[in-house]
Amino acid sequence: MTYKAPTTMRMPAVPGAAPQPWTEGQPAIDELVTEKALSVPRPAVRDRAHLTVLTGPSAGEVLALARDVTTIGRDETADVRVEDLAVSRLHVRLTREPSGEITLEDLGSTNGTFVGVEPITRRVLRSGEQIQLGPNVLYRFALTDETEERLQRQLFESSIRDPLTRAFNRKYLSERLAAEVAHAHRHSAKLALLMLDLDDFKATNDRFGHLAGDAALRQVADAVQALIRIEDVFARYGGEEFVVLTRGDGVQNAAHLAERLRRAIADTKVVVDGGIIPVTVSIGVADLDELPRSASGRDLIDRADRRLYRAKALGRNRVSASDG
């Protein structure tokens, strides 16, 4: 790179002001000579077939059609599972043809498959078309290049994640909780919720500063993520509060998980400016089976929240899984 090397940077003139010195020996930006570089744009290859979810708690999620055959339905054997009673157990099949085209085929579904407003039994998809399964579930089919697909995934992740801790955000939790409660009621399945709150977090911020508080939140989130299952939902509820939603667990198993999390967080070392910030959490645990059949996700959160405050009243850094 070639440039002239003035000792001062030319700044806009200010009447009566002395010239402003710039870093000694460094070139001004406007003195730099544009670097020559060979740039040959590569043609975009739109060979990435995917579906974008348009409805439900996962709206915006990108589902890659990487297999030669992908099935969608409610059944556990479906490649893409849909929690909607109006969707058949195996509703549709998408097949990658030798030509690279994607064929959509209805598998004898009860409520039909539509592309746009057209009911179909089998047809080749065109990029940009909308697919509807039954009355409620919508996807957009697209053929994109690698860069576009990566961008779509990043946009979806940023829409459902808390930027500080990378836990799910409250909006995603609210939608997912409603879906999980409906699933549990429908299948008589177990569902438990843990409400975690950092102890004396305001005092931590006041004493060590907000950057230290942010570090504590990040490390607590990392400790939780390391211990929960991939199917569990971990979300930041607000401020220093977090929620873990665990499918298939009753209150006893959920309390065991809560105790493991409590111990792991108490052992976490948050080092700031050579000092160690002590971090503990109090946890309230609630089980959907403890509530009436008509209970909602809000009811489950309220019960866990009451037990959280009971843990606080009993001295903090503990788990409460009962009301008394």
C-alpha atoms as a PDB file:
ATOM      1  CA  MET A   1       0.000   0.000   0.000  1.00  0.00           C
ATOM      2  CA  THR A   2       1.333   3.469  -0.949  1.00  0.00           C
ATOM      3  CA  TYR A   3       0.519   6.675   0.913  1.00  0.00           C
ATOM      4  CA  LYS A   4       1.843  10.078   1.855  1.00  0.00           C
ATOM      5  CA  ALA A   5       2.683  10.477   5.518  1.00  0.00           C
ATOM      6  CA  PRO A   6       1.657  13.853   6.926  1.00  0.00           C
ATOM      7  CA  THR A   7       2.171  14.516  10.606  1.00  0.00           C
ATOM      8  CA  THR A   8      -1.179  16.228  11.040  1.00  0.00           C
ATOM      9  CA  MET A   9      -4.662  15.356   9.836  1.00  0.00           C
ATOM     10  CA  ARG A  10      -6.561  17.987   7.903  1.00  0.00           C
ATOM     11  CA  MET A  11      -9.661  18.844   9.940  1.00  0.00           C
ATOM     12  CA  PRO A  12     -12.539  21.136   8.995  1.00  0.00           C
ATOM     13  CA  ALA A  13     -11.538  24.715   9.732  1.00  0.00           C
ATOM     14  CA  VAL A  14     -13.036  26.222  12.897  1.00  0.00           C
ATOM     15  CA  PRO A  15     -12.687  30.011  13.186  1.00  0.00           C
ATOM     16  CA  GLY A  16     -10.214  30.932  15.920  1.00  0.00           C
ATOM     17  CA  ALA A  17      -9.285  27.312  16.643  1.00  0.00           C
ATOM     18  CA  ALA A  18      -5.724  26.025  16.517  1.00  0.00           C
ATOM     19  CA  PRO A  19      -4.908  23.183  14.080  1.00  0.00           C
ATOM     20  CA  GLN A  20      -5.661  19.775  15.610  1.00  0.00           C
ATOM     21  CA  PRO A  21      -2.645  17.463  15.703  1.00  0.00           C
ATOM     22  CA  TRP A  22      -3.051  13.852  14.640  1.00  0.00           C
ATOM     23  CA  THR A  23      -1.069  10.823  15.759  1.00  0.00           C
ATOM     24  CA  GLU A  24       2.563  11.315  14.813  1.00  0.00           C
ATOM     25  CA  GLY A  25       3.632   9.339  11.783  1.00  0.00           C
ATOM     26  CA  GLN A  26       0.145   8.098  10.866  1.00  0.00           C
ATOM     27  CA  PRO A  27      -1.422   8.940   7.487  1.00  0.00           C
ATOM     28  CA  ALA A  28      -4.682  10.821   7.193  1.00  0.00           C
ATOM     29  CA  ILE A  29      -7.516   8.753   5.776  1.00  0.00           C
ATOM     30  CA  ASP A  30      -7.906  11.040   2.776  1.00  0.00           C
ATOM     31  CA  GLU A  31      -4.187  10.641   1.976  1.00  0.00           C
ATOM     32  CA  LEU A  32      -4.368   6.860   1.560  1.00  0.00           C
ATOM     33  CA  VAL A  33      -4.126   5.492  -1.956  1.00  0.00           C
ATOM     34  CA  THR A  34      -6.861   2.988  -2.760  1.00  0.00           C
ATOM     35  CA  GLU A  35      -5.457  -0.493  -2.613  1.00  0.00           C
ATOM     36  CA  LYS A  36      -5.819  -2.430  -5.827  1.00  0.00           C
ATOM     37  CA  ALA A  37      -7.294  -5.890  -5.479  1.00  0.00           C
ATOM     38  CA  LEU A  38      -8.579  -8.359  -7.992  1.00  0.00           C
ATOM     39  CA  SER A  39     -12.252  -8.946  -7.241  1.00  0.00           C
ATOM     40  CA  VAL A  40     -14.197 -11.342  -9.407  1.00  0.00           C
ATOM     41  CA  PRO A  41     -17.737 -11.853  -8.106  1.00  0.00           C
ATOM     42  CA  ARG A  42     -18.738 -15.490  -8.033  1.00  0.00           C
ATOM     43  CA  PRO A  43     -22.150 -16.279  -9.451  1.00  0.00           C
ATOM     44  CA  ALA A  44     -24.698 -17.157  -6.775  1.00  0.00           C
ATOM     45  CA  VAL A  45     -25.675 -20.811  -6.932  1.00  0.00           C
ATOM     46  CA  ARG A  46     -29.239 -21.170  -5.691  1.00  0.00           C
ATOM     47  CA  ASP A  47     -29.040 -24.816  -4.725  1.00  0.00           C
ATOM     48  CA  ARG A  48     -30.082 -24.551  -1.051  1.00  0.00           C
ATOM     49  CA  ALA A  49     -33.684 -25.704  -0.747  1.00  0.00           C
ATOM     50  CA  HIS A  50     -35.388 -24.790   2.510  1.00  0.00           C
ATOM     51  CA  LEU A  51     -38.702 -24.018   4.161  1.00  0.00           C
ATOM     52  CA  THR A  52     -39.270 -20.941   6.324  1.00  0.00           C
ATOM     53  CA  VAL A  53     -41.855 -21.416   9.064  1.00  0.00           C
ATOM     54  CA  LEU A  54     -44.514 -18.666   8.842  1.00  0.00           C
ATOM     55  CA  THR A  55     -46.794 -19.588  11.760  1.00  0.00           C
ATOM     56  CA  GLY A  56     -46.538 -20.623  15.409  1.00  0.00           C
ATOM     57  CA  PRO A  57     -43.810 -20.111  18.034  1.00  0.00           C
ATOM     58  CA  SER A  58     -41.065 -21.014  15.549  1.00  0.00           C
ATOM     59  CA  ALA A  59     -42.131 -18.476  12.907  1.00  0.00           C
ATOM     60  CA  GLY A  60     -39.024 -17.431  10.987  1.00  0.00           C
ATOM     61  CA  GLU A  61     -37.145 -20.685  11.535  1.00  0.00           C
ATOM     62  CA  VAL A  62     -35.339 -22.034   8.477  1.00  0.00           C
ATOM     63  CA  LEU A  63     -35.667 -25.780   7.802  1.00  0.00           C
ATOM     64  CA  ALA A  64     -33.084 -27.069   5.355  1.00  0.00           C
ATOM     65  CA  LEU A  65     -34.251 -29.733   2.906  1.00  0.00           C
ATOM     66  CA  ALA A  66     -30.876 -31.439   2.905  1.00  0.00           C
ATOM     67  CA  ARG A  67     -32.179 -35.000   2.558  1.00  0.00           C
ATOM     68  CA  ASP A  68     -33.436 -36.587  -0.627  1.00  0.00           C
ATOM     69  CA  VAL A  69     -36.761 -37.179   1.141  1.00  0.00           C
ATOM     70  CA  THR A  70     -38.273 -35.106   3.992  1.00  0.00           C
ATOM     71  CA  THR A  71     -41.610 -35.902   5.659  1.00  0.00           C
ATOM     72  CA  ILE A  72     -43.718 -33.462   7.701  1.00  0.00           C
ATOM     73  CA  GLY A  73     -46.428 -34.385  10.188  1.00  0.00           C
ATOM     74  CA  ARG A  74     -47.418 -34.950  13.822  1.00  0.00           C
ATOM     75  CA  ASP A  75     -45.931 -38.419  14.097  1.00  0.00           C
ATOM     76  CA  GLU A  76     -42.659 -38.969  15.959  1.00  0.00           C
ATOM     77  CA  THR A  77     -41.227 -40.613  12.837  1.00  0.00           C
ATOM     78  CA  ALA A  78     -41.732 -37.447  10.735  1.00  0.00           C
ATOM     79  CA  ASP A  79     -38.535 -35.612   9.802  1.00  0.00           C
ATOM     80  CA  VAL A  80     -40.250 -32.308  10.653  1.00  0.00           C
ATOM     81  CA  ARG A  81     -42.730 -32.620  13.527  1.00  0.00           C
ATOM     82  CA  VAL A  82     -45.700 -30.256  13.735  1.00  0.00           C
ATOM     83  CA  GLU A  83     -47.725 -29.825  16.941  1.00  0.00           C
ATOM     84  CA  ASP A  84     -51.083 -29.094  15.323  1.00  0.00           C
ATOM     85  CA  LEU A  85     -54.067 -31.432  15.569  1.00  0.00           C
ATOM     86  CA  ALA A  86     -55.277 -30.424  12.101  1.00  0.00           C
ATOM     87  CA  VAL A  87     -52.044 -31.785  10.593  1.00  0.00           C
ATOM     88  CA  SER A  88     -52.028 -35.510   9.828  1.00  0.00           C
ATOM     89  CA  ARG A  89     -49.492 -37.859  11.374  1.00  0.00           C
ATOM     90  CA  LEU A  90     -47.622 -38.023   8.063  1.00  0.00           C
ATOM     91  CA  HIS A  91     -49.039 -35.136   6.067  1.00  0.00           C
ATOM     92  CA  VAL A  92     -46.640 -34.463   3.173  1.00  0.00           C
ATOM     93  CA  ARG A  93     -43.420 -35.673   1.605  1.00  0.00           C
ATOM     94  CA  LEU A  94     -40.849 -33.466  -0.143  1.00  0.00           C
ATOM     95  CA  THR A  95     -38.540 -35.235  -2.584  1.00  0.00           C
ATOM     96  CA  ARG A  96     -35.413 -33.935  -4.285  1.00  0.00           C
ATOM     97  CA  GLU A  97     -35.557 -35.128  -7.890  1.00  0.00           C
ATOM     98  CA  PRO A  98     -32.440 -36.045  -9.921  1.00  0.00           C
ATOM     99  CA  SER A  99     -32.927 -32.744 -11.755  1.00  0.00           C
ATOM    100  CA  GLY A 100     -32.564 -30.843  -8.455  1.00  0.00           C
ATOM    101  CA  GLU A 101     -36.243 -29.854  -8.373  1.00  0.00           C
ATOM    102  CA  ILE A 102     -38.271 -30.372  -5.199  1.00  0.00           C
ATOM    103  CA  THR A 103     -41.570 -32.252  -5.465  1.00  0.00           C
ATOM    104  CA  LEU A 104     -44.288 -31.843  -2.824  1.00  0.00           C
ATOM    105  CA  GLU A 105     -46.682 -34.770  -2.343  1.00  0.00           C
ATOM    106  CA  ASP A 106     -49.738 -35.001  -0.081  1.00  0.00           C
ATOM    107  CA  LEU A 107     -49.798 -38.350   1.771  1.00  0.00           C
ATOM    108  CA  GLY A 108     -53.565 -38.701   1.987  1.00  0.00           C
ATOM    109  CA  SER A 109     -53.925 -36.051   4.693  1.00  0.00           C
ATOM    110  CA  THR A 110     -57.278 -35.386   6.344  1.00  0.00           C
ATOM    111  CA  ASN A 111     -57.282 -31.611   5.870  1.00  0.00           C
ATOM    112  CA  GLY A 112     -55.366 -31.265   2.628  1.00  0.00           C
ATOM    113  CA  THR A 113     -52.236 -29.562   1.319  1.00  0.00           C
ATOM    114  CA  PHE A 114     -52.240 -26.288  -0.592  1.00  0.00           C
ATOM    115  CA  VAL A 115     -49.686 -24.372  -2.635  1.00  0.00           C
ATOM    116  CA  GLY A 116     -50.952 -20.825  -2.608  1.00  0.00           C
ATOM    117  CA  VAL A 117     -54.732 -21.321  -2.865  1.00  0.00           C
ATOM    118  CA  GLU A 118     -54.460 -24.465  -5.002  1.00  0.00           C
ATOM    119  CA  PRO A 119     -55.138 -27.860  -3.386  1.00  0.00           C
ATOM    120  CA  ILE A 120     -52.529 -30.341  -4.547  1.00  0.00           C
ATOM    121  CA  THR A 121     -51.763 -34.035  -4.473  1.00  0.00           C
ATOM    122  CA  ARG A 122     -48.330 -33.793  -6.120  1.00  0.00           C
ATOM    123  CA  ARG A 123     -46.458 -30.991  -7.855  1.00  0.00           C
ATOM    124  CA  VAL A 124     -43.019 -29.437  -8.385  1.00  0.00           C
ATOM    125  CA  LEU A 125     -42.391 -26.388  -6.186  1.00  0.00           C
ATOM    126  CA  ARG A 126     -41.202 -23.011  -7.385  1.00  0.00           C
ATOM    127  CA  SER A 127     -39.067 -20.751  -5.223  1.00  0.00           C
ATOM    128  CA  GLY A 128     -41.153 -18.280  -3.227  1.00  0.00           C
ATOM    129  CA  GLU A 129     -44.328 -20.365  -3.114  1.00  0.00           C
ATOM    130  CA  GLN A 130     -46.295 -20.784   0.115  1.00  0.00           C
ATOM    131  CA  ILE A 131     -47.299 -24.236   1.373  1.00  0.00           C
ATOM    132  CA  GLN A 132     -50.252 -24.689   3.715  1.00  0.00           C
ATOM    133  CA  LEU A 133     -50.904 -27.867   5.705  1.00  0.00           C
ATOM    134  CA  GLY A 134     -54.483 -27.980   6.924  1.00  0.00           C
ATOM    135  CA  PRO A 135     -55.986 -24.674   8.106  1.00  0.00           C
ATOM    136  CA  ASN A 136     -53.170 -23.412  10.346  1.00  0.00           C
ATOM    137  CA  VAL A 137     -49.621 -24.318   9.271  1.00  0.00           C
ATOM    138  CA  LEU A 138     -47.782 -22.216   6.681  1.00  0.00           C
ATOM    139  CA  TYR A 139     -44.309 -22.501   5.131  1.00  0.00           C
ATOM    140  CA  ARG A 140     -42.520 -20.570   2.400  1.00  0.00           C
ATOM    141  CA  PHE A 141     -40.402 -22.663   0.040  1.00  0.00           C
ATOM    142  CA  ALA A 142     -37.253 -21.110  -1.392  1.00  0.00           C
ATOM    143  CA  LEU A 143     -34.139 -21.951  -3.349  1.00  0.00           C
ATOM    144  CA  THR A 144     -31.291 -19.721  -2.171  1.00  0.00           C
ATOM    145  CA  ASP A 145     -27.522 -19.605  -2.165  1.00  0.00           C
ATOM    146  CA  GLU A 146     -25.391 -20.307   0.901  1.00  0.00           C
ATOM    147  CA  THR A 147     -25.063 -16.630   1.888  1.00  0.00           C
ATOM    148  CA  GLU A 148     -28.814 -15.980   1.820  1.00  0.00           C
ATOM    149  CA  GLU A 149     -29.567 -19.121   3.806  1.00  0.00           C
ATOM    150  CA  ARG A 150     -26.994 -18.191   6.460  1.00  0.00           C
ATOM    151  CA  LEU A 151     -28.491 -14.693   6.735  1.00  0.00           C
ATOM    152  CA  GLN A 152     -31.999 -16.099   7.211  1.00  0.00           C
ATOM    153  CA  ARG A 153     -30.756 -18.346  10.020  1.00  0.00           C
ATOM    154  CA  GLN A 154     -28.962 -15.443  11.708  1.00  0.00           C
ATOM    155  CA  LEU A 155     -32.067 -13.244  11.514  1.00  0.00           C
ATOM    156  CA  PHE A 156     -34.194 -15.975  13.086  1.00  0.00           C
ATOM    157  CA  GLU A 157     -31.678 -16.579  15.891  1.00  0.00           C
ATOM    158  CA  SER A 158     -31.458 -12.868  16.671  1.00  0.00           C
ATOM    159  CA  SER A 159     -35.261 -12.662  16.862  1.00  0.00           C
ATOM    160  CA  ILE A 160     -35.595 -15.376  19.531  1.00  0.00           C
ATOM    161  CA  ARG A 161     -32.395 -14.957  21.590  1.00  0.00           C
ATOM    162  CA  ASP A 162     -31.437 -12.598  24.388  1.00  0.00           C
ATOM    163  CA  PRO A 163     -28.338 -10.791  23.044  1.00  0.00           C
ATOM    164  CA  LEU A 164     -26.458 -10.821  26.372  1.00  0.00           C
ATOM    165  CA  THR A 165     -26.905 -14.402  27.566  1.00  0.00           C
ATOM    166  CA  ARG A 166     -27.947 -16.180  24.327  1.00  0.00           C
ATOM    167  CA  ALA A 167     -30.854 -17.734  26.224  1.00  0.00           C
ATOM    168  CA  PHE A 168     -34.234 -17.594  24.507  1.00  0.00           C
ATOM    169  CA  ASN A 169     -36.052 -14.298  24.980  1.00  0.00           C
ATOM    170  CA  ARG A 170     -39.355 -13.784  26.797  1.00  0.00           C
ATOM    171  CA  LYS A 171     -41.442 -13.556  23.630  1.00  0.00           C
ATOM    172  CA  TYR A 172     -40.223 -16.951  22.433  1.00  0.00           C
ATOM    173  CA  LEU A 173     -40.764 -18.430  25.908  1.00  0.00           C
ATOM    174  CA  SER A 174     -44.360 -17.179  26.000  1.00  0.00           C
ATOM    175  CA  GLU A 175     -45.217 -18.773  22.657  1.00  0.00           C
ATOM    176  CA  ARG A 176     -43.335 -21.989  23.374  1.00  0.00           C
ATOM    177  CA  LEU A 177     -44.880 -22.331  26.849  1.00  0.00           C
ATOM    178  CA  ALA A 178     -48.400 -22.100  25.434  1.00  0.00           C
ATOM    179  CA  ALA A 179     -47.559 -24.819  22.889  1.00  0.00           C
ATOM    180  CA  GLU A 180     -45.940 -27.080  25.509  1.00  0.00           C
ATOM    181  CA  VAL A 181     -48.876 -26.753  27.927  1.00  0.00           C
ATOM    182  CA  ALA A 182     -51.320 -27.609  25.123  1.00  0.00           C
ATOM    183  CA  HIS A 183     -49.177 -30.636  24.180  1.00  0.00           C
ATOM    184  CA  ALA A 184     -48.995 -31.813  27.802  1.00  0.00           C
ATOM    185  CA  HIS A 185     -52.772 -31.528  28.282  1.00  0.00           C
ATOM    186  CA  ARG A 186     -53.471 -33.305  24.985  1.00  0.00           C
ATOM    187  CA  HIS A 187     -51.116 -36.236  25.642  1.00  0.00           C
ATOM    188  CA  SER A 188     -51.370 -36.365  29.463  1.00  0.00           C
ATOM    189  CA  ALA A 189     -47.625 -35.679  29.516  1.00  0.00           C
ATOM    190  CA  LYS A 190     -45.542 -34.191  32.298  1.00  0.00           C
ATOM    191  CA  LEU A 191     -44.244 -30.630  32.151  1.00  0.00           C
ATOM    192  CA  ALA A 192     -42.305 -28.728  34.806  1.00  0.00           C
ATOM    193  CA  LEU A 193     -41.040 -25.168  35.071  1.00  0.00           C
ATOM    194  CA  LEU A 194     -38.096 -23.789  37.067  1.00  0.00           C
ATOM    195  CA  MET A 195     -37.927 -20.078  37.902  1.00  0.00           C
ATOM    196  CA  LEU A 196     -34.394 -18.905  38.783  1.00  0.00           C
ATOM    197  CA  ASP A 197     -33.455 -15.533  40.270  1.00  0.00           C
ATOM    198  CA  LEU A 198     -29.927 -14.326  41.098  1.00  0.00           C
ATOM    199  CA  ASP A 199     -29.623 -13.460  44.783  1.00  0.00           C
ATOM    200  CA  ASP A 200     -28.770  -9.861  45.764  1.00  0.00           C
ATOM    201  CA  PHE A 201     -28.156  -8.916  42.134  1.00  0.00           C
ATOM    202  CA  LYS A 202     -28.806  -5.214  42.724  1.00  0.00           C
ATOM    203  CA  ALA A 203     -26.079  -5.208  45.388  1.00  0.00           C
ATOM    204  CA  THR A 204     -23.715  -6.853  42.887  1.00  0.00           C
ATOM    205  CA  ASN A 205     -24.411  -4.114  40.342  1.00  0.00           C
ATOM    206  CA  ASP A 206     -24.055  -1.365  42.952  1.00  0.00           C
ATOM    207  CA  ARG A 207     -20.769  -2.696  44.303  1.00  0.00           C
ATOM    208  CA  PHE A 208     -19.017  -3.991  41.193  1.00  0.00           C
ATOM    209  CA  GLY A 209     -20.772  -2.120  38.357  1.00  0.00           C
ATOM    210  CA  HIS A 210     -23.103  -3.137  35.570  1.00  0.00           C
ATOM    211  CA  LEU A 211     -20.372  -4.711  33.438  1.00  0.00           C
ATOM    212  CA  ALA A 212     -19.662  -7.094  36.290  1.00  0.00           C
ATOM    213  CA  GLY A 213     -23.393  -7.786  36.581  1.00  0.00           C
ATOM    214  CA  ASP A 214     -23.513  -8.599  32.875  1.00  0.00           C
ATOM    215  CA  ALA A 215     -20.581 -10.986  33.297  1.00  0.00           C
ATOM    216  CA  ALA A 216     -22.413 -12.729  36.138  1.00  0.00           C
ATOM    217  CA  LEU A 217     -25.555 -13.137  34.012  1.00  0.00           C
ATOM    218  CA  ARG A 218     -23.551 -14.593  31.115  1.00  0.00           C
ATOM    219  CA  GLN A 219     -21.743 -17.111  33.321  1.00  0.00           C
ATOM    220  CA  VAL A 220     -24.945 -18.188  35.058  1.00  0.00           C
ATOM    221  CA  ALA A 221     -26.519 -18.758  31.632  1.00  0.00           C
ATOM    222  CA  ASP A 222     -23.483 -20.791  30.530  1.00  0.00           C
ATOM    223  CA  ALA A 223     -23.704 -22.929  33.677  1.00  0.00           C
ATOM    224  CA  VAL A 224     -27.385 -23.667  33.071  1.00  0.00           C
ATOM    225  CA  GLN A 225     -26.892 -24.450  29.373  1.00  0.00           C
ATOM    226  CA  ALA A 226     -24.188 -26.969  30.267  1.00  0.00           C
ATOM    227  CA  LEU A 227     -26.545 -29.015  32.475  1.00  0.00           C
ATOM    228  CA  ILE A 228     -29.936 -29.017  30.758  1.00  0.00           C
ATOM    229  CA  ARG A 229     -31.012 -31.290  27.905  1.00  0.00           C
ATOM    230  CA  ILE A 230     -31.142 -30.096  24.319  1.00  0.00           C
ATOM    231  CA  GLU A 231     -34.950 -30.408  24.319  1.00  0.00           C
ATOM    232  CA  ASP A 232     -35.333 -28.237  27.426  1.00  0.00           C
ATOM    233  CA  VAL A 233     -36.200 -24.565  26.946  1.00  0.00           C
ATOM    234  CA  PHE A 234     -33.958 -22.047  28.737  1.00  0.00           C
ATOM    235  CA  ALA A 235     -35.060 -18.411  28.564  1.00  0.00           C
ATOM    236  CA  ARG A 236     -34.283 -15.067  30.155  1.00  0.00           C
ATOM    237  CA  TYR A 237     -37.533 -13.960  31.763  1.00  0.00           C
ATOM    238  CA  GLY A 238     -36.385 -10.450  32.648  1.00  0.00           C
ATOM    239  CA  GLY A 239     -33.538  -8.721  34.465  1.00  0.00           C
ATOM    240  CA  GLU A 240     -31.849 -11.387  36.587  1.00  0.00           C
ATOM    241  CA  GLU A 241     -34.668 -13.955  36.245  1.00  0.00           C
ATOM    242  CA  PHE A 242     -34.471 -17.071  34.076  1.00  0.00           C
ATOM    243  CA  VAL A 243     -36.847 -19.944  33.287  1.00  0.00           C
ATOM    244  CA  VAL A 244     -36.160 -23.577  32.453  1.00  0.00           C
ATOM    245  CA  LEU A 245     -39.055 -25.481  30.878  1.00  0.00           C
ATOM    246  CA  THR A 246     -38.552 -29.226  30.994  1.00  0.00           C
ATOM    247  CA  ARG A 247     -40.834 -31.678  29.179  1.00  0.00           C
ATOM    248  CA  GLY A 248     -41.397 -35.161  30.628  1.00  0.00           C
ATOM    249  CA  ASP A 249     -40.399 -34.282  34.185  1.00  0.00           C
ATOM    250  CA  GLY A 250     -42.610 -34.165  37.263  1.00  0.00           C
ATOM    251  CA  VAL A 251     -41.918 -31.983  40.275  1.00  0.00           C
ATOM    252  CA  GLN A 252     -39.511 -34.467  41.908  1.00  0.00           C
ATOM    253  CA  ASN A 253     -37.182 -34.823  38.907  1.00  0.00           C
ATOM    254  CA  ALA A 254     -37.428 -31.092  38.228  1.00  0.00           C
ATOM    255  CA  ALA A 255     -36.419 -30.376  41.842  1.00  0.00           C
ATOM    256  CA  HIS A 256     -33.360 -32.622  41.421  1.00  0.00           C
ATOM    257  CA  LEU A 257     -32.402 -30.665  38.293  1.00  0.00           C
ATOM    258  CA  ALA A 258     -32.944 -27.384  40.149  1.00  0.00           C
ATOM    259  CA  GLU A 259     -30.601 -28.508  42.939  1.00  0.00           C
ATOM    260  CA  ARG A 260     -27.901 -29.441  40.416  1.00  0.00           C
ATOM    261  CA  LEU A 261     -28.242 -26.021  38.810  1.00  0.00           C
ATOM    262  CA  ARG A 262     -28.120 -24.268  42.190  1.00  0.00           C
ATOM    263  CA  ARG A 263     -24.885 -26.041  43.158  1.00  0.00           C
ATOM    264  CA  ALA A 264     -23.252 -25.445  39.767  1.00  0.00           C
ATOM    265  CA  ILE A 265     -24.053 -21.729  39.891  1.00  0.00           C
ATOM    266  CA  ALA A 266     -22.798 -21.412  43.482  1.00  0.00           C
ATOM    267  CA  ASP A 267     -19.487 -22.912  42.284  1.00  0.00           C
ATOM    268  CA  THR A 268     -19.257 -20.427  39.391  1.00  0.00           C
ATOM    269  CA  LYS A 269     -16.384 -17.967  39.704  1.00  0.00           C
ATOM    270  CA  VAL A 270     -17.050 -14.554  38.186  1.00  0.00           C
ATOM    271  CA  VAL A 271     -13.679 -12.771  38.147  1.00  0.00           C
ATOM    272  CA  VAL A 272     -13.691  -8.991  37.720  1.00  0.00           C
ATOM    273  CA  ASP A 273     -10.602  -6.781  38.147  1.00  0.00           C
ATOM    274  CA  GLY A 274      -8.831  -9.526  40.032  1.00  0.00           C
ATOM    275  CA  GLY A 275     -11.715 -10.061  42.446  1.00  0.00           C
ATOM    276  CA  ILE A 276     -14.291 -12.843  42.598  1.00  0.00           C
ATOM    277  CA  ILE A 277     -17.995 -12.011  42.681  1.00  0.00           C
ATOM    278  CA  PRO A 278     -20.045 -14.529  44.662  1.00  0.00           C
ATOM    279  CA  VAL A 279     -23.100 -15.658  42.690  1.00  0.00           C
ATOM    280  CA  THR A 280     -26.011 -17.749  43.974  1.00  0.00           C
ATOM    281  CA  VAL A 281     -29.575 -18.315  42.825  1.00  0.00           C
ATOM    282  CA  SER A 282     -32.892 -19.150  44.407  1.00  0.00           C
ATOM    283  CA  ILE A 283     -35.176 -21.470  42.422  1.00  0.00           C
ATOM    284  CA  GLY A 284     -38.896 -22.169  42.474  1.00  0.00           C
ATOM    285  CA  VAL A 285     -40.195 -25.378  40.869  1.00  0.00           C
ATOM    286  CA  ALA A 286     -43.733 -26.123  39.660  1.00  0.00           C
ATOM    287  CA  ASP A 287     -45.320 -29.086  37.869  1.00  0.00           C
ATOM    288  CA  LEU A 288     -48.327 -28.834  35.537  1.00  0.00           C
ATOM    289  CA  ASP A 289     -49.869 -31.922  37.173  1.00  0.00           C
ATOM    290  CA  GLU A 290     -50.271 -29.924  40.396  1.00  0.00           C
ATOM    291  CA  LEU A 291     -52.699 -27.547  38.668  1.00  0.00           C
ATOM    292  CA  PRO A 292     -56.266 -27.983  37.376  1.00  0.00           C
ATOM    293  CA  ARG A 293     -56.753 -29.411  33.894  1.00  0.00           C
ATOM    294  CA  SER A 294     -57.726 -25.940  32.654  1.00  0.00           C
ATOM    295  CA  ALA A 295     -54.421 -24.390  33.831  1.00  0.00           C
ATOM    296  CA  SER A 296     -52.463 -22.191  31.434  1.00  0.00           C
ATOM    297  CA  GLY A 297     -48.781 -21.401  31.072  1.00  0.00           C
ATOM    298  CA  ARG A 298     -49.385 -18.241  33.101  1.00  0.00           C
ATOM    299  CA  ASP A 299     -50.688 -20.391  35.989  1.00  0.00           C
ATOM    300  CA  LEU A 300     -47.559 -22.548  35.859  1.00  0.00           C
ATOM    301  CA  ILE A 301     -45.287 -19.508  35.964  1.00  0.00           C
ATOM    302  CA  ASP A 302     -47.240 -17.991  38.858  1.00  0.00           C
ATOM    303  CA  ARG A 303     -46.855 -21.136  40.980  1.00  0.00           C
ATOM    304  CA  ALA A 304     -43.119 -21.378  40.266  1.00  0.00           C
ATOM    305  CA  ASP A 305     -42.773 -17.664  41.033  1.00  0.00           C
ATOM    306  CA  ARG A 306     -44.476 -18.050  44.429  1.00  0.00           C
ATOM    307  CA  ARG A 307     -42.121 -20.879  45.292  1.00  0.00           C
ATOM    308  CA  LEU A 308     -39.161 -18.805  44.163  1.00  0.00           C
ATOM    309  CA  TYR A 309     -40.088 -16.104  46.662  1.00  0.00           C
ATOM    310  CA  ARG A 310     -40.540 -18.771  49.311  1.00  0.00           C
ATOM    311  CA  ALA A 311     -36.923 -19.858  48.624  1.00  0.00           C
ATOM    312  CA  LYS A 312     -35.851 -16.232  49.028  1.00  0.00           C
ATOM    313  CA  ALA A 313     -37.727 -15.916  52.321  1.00  0.00           C
ATOM    314  CA  LEU A 314     -36.095 -19.087  53.641  1.00  0.00           C
ATOM    315  CA  GLY A 315     -32.636 -17.580  53.224  1.00  0.00           C
ATOM    316  CA  ARG A 316     -31.775 -17.577  49.476  1.00  0.00           C
ATOM    317  CA  ASN A 317     -29.433 -19.951  47.612  1.00  0.00           C
ATOM    318  CA  ARG A 318     -31.961 -22.766  47.829  1.00  0.00           C
ATOM    319  CA  VAL A 319     -34.697 -24.630  45.943  1.00  0.00           C
ATOM    320  CA  SER A 320     -38.383 -24.601  46.827  1.00  0.00           C
ATOM    321  CA  ALA A 321     -40.637 -27.211  45.203  1.00  0.00           C
ATOM    322  CA  SER A 322     -43.630 -26.916  47.528  1.00  0.00           C
ATOM    323  CA  ASP A 323     -45.892 -24.264  49.014  1.00  0.00           C
ATOM    324  CA  GLY A 324     -45.151 -25.040  52.628  1.00  0.00           C
END
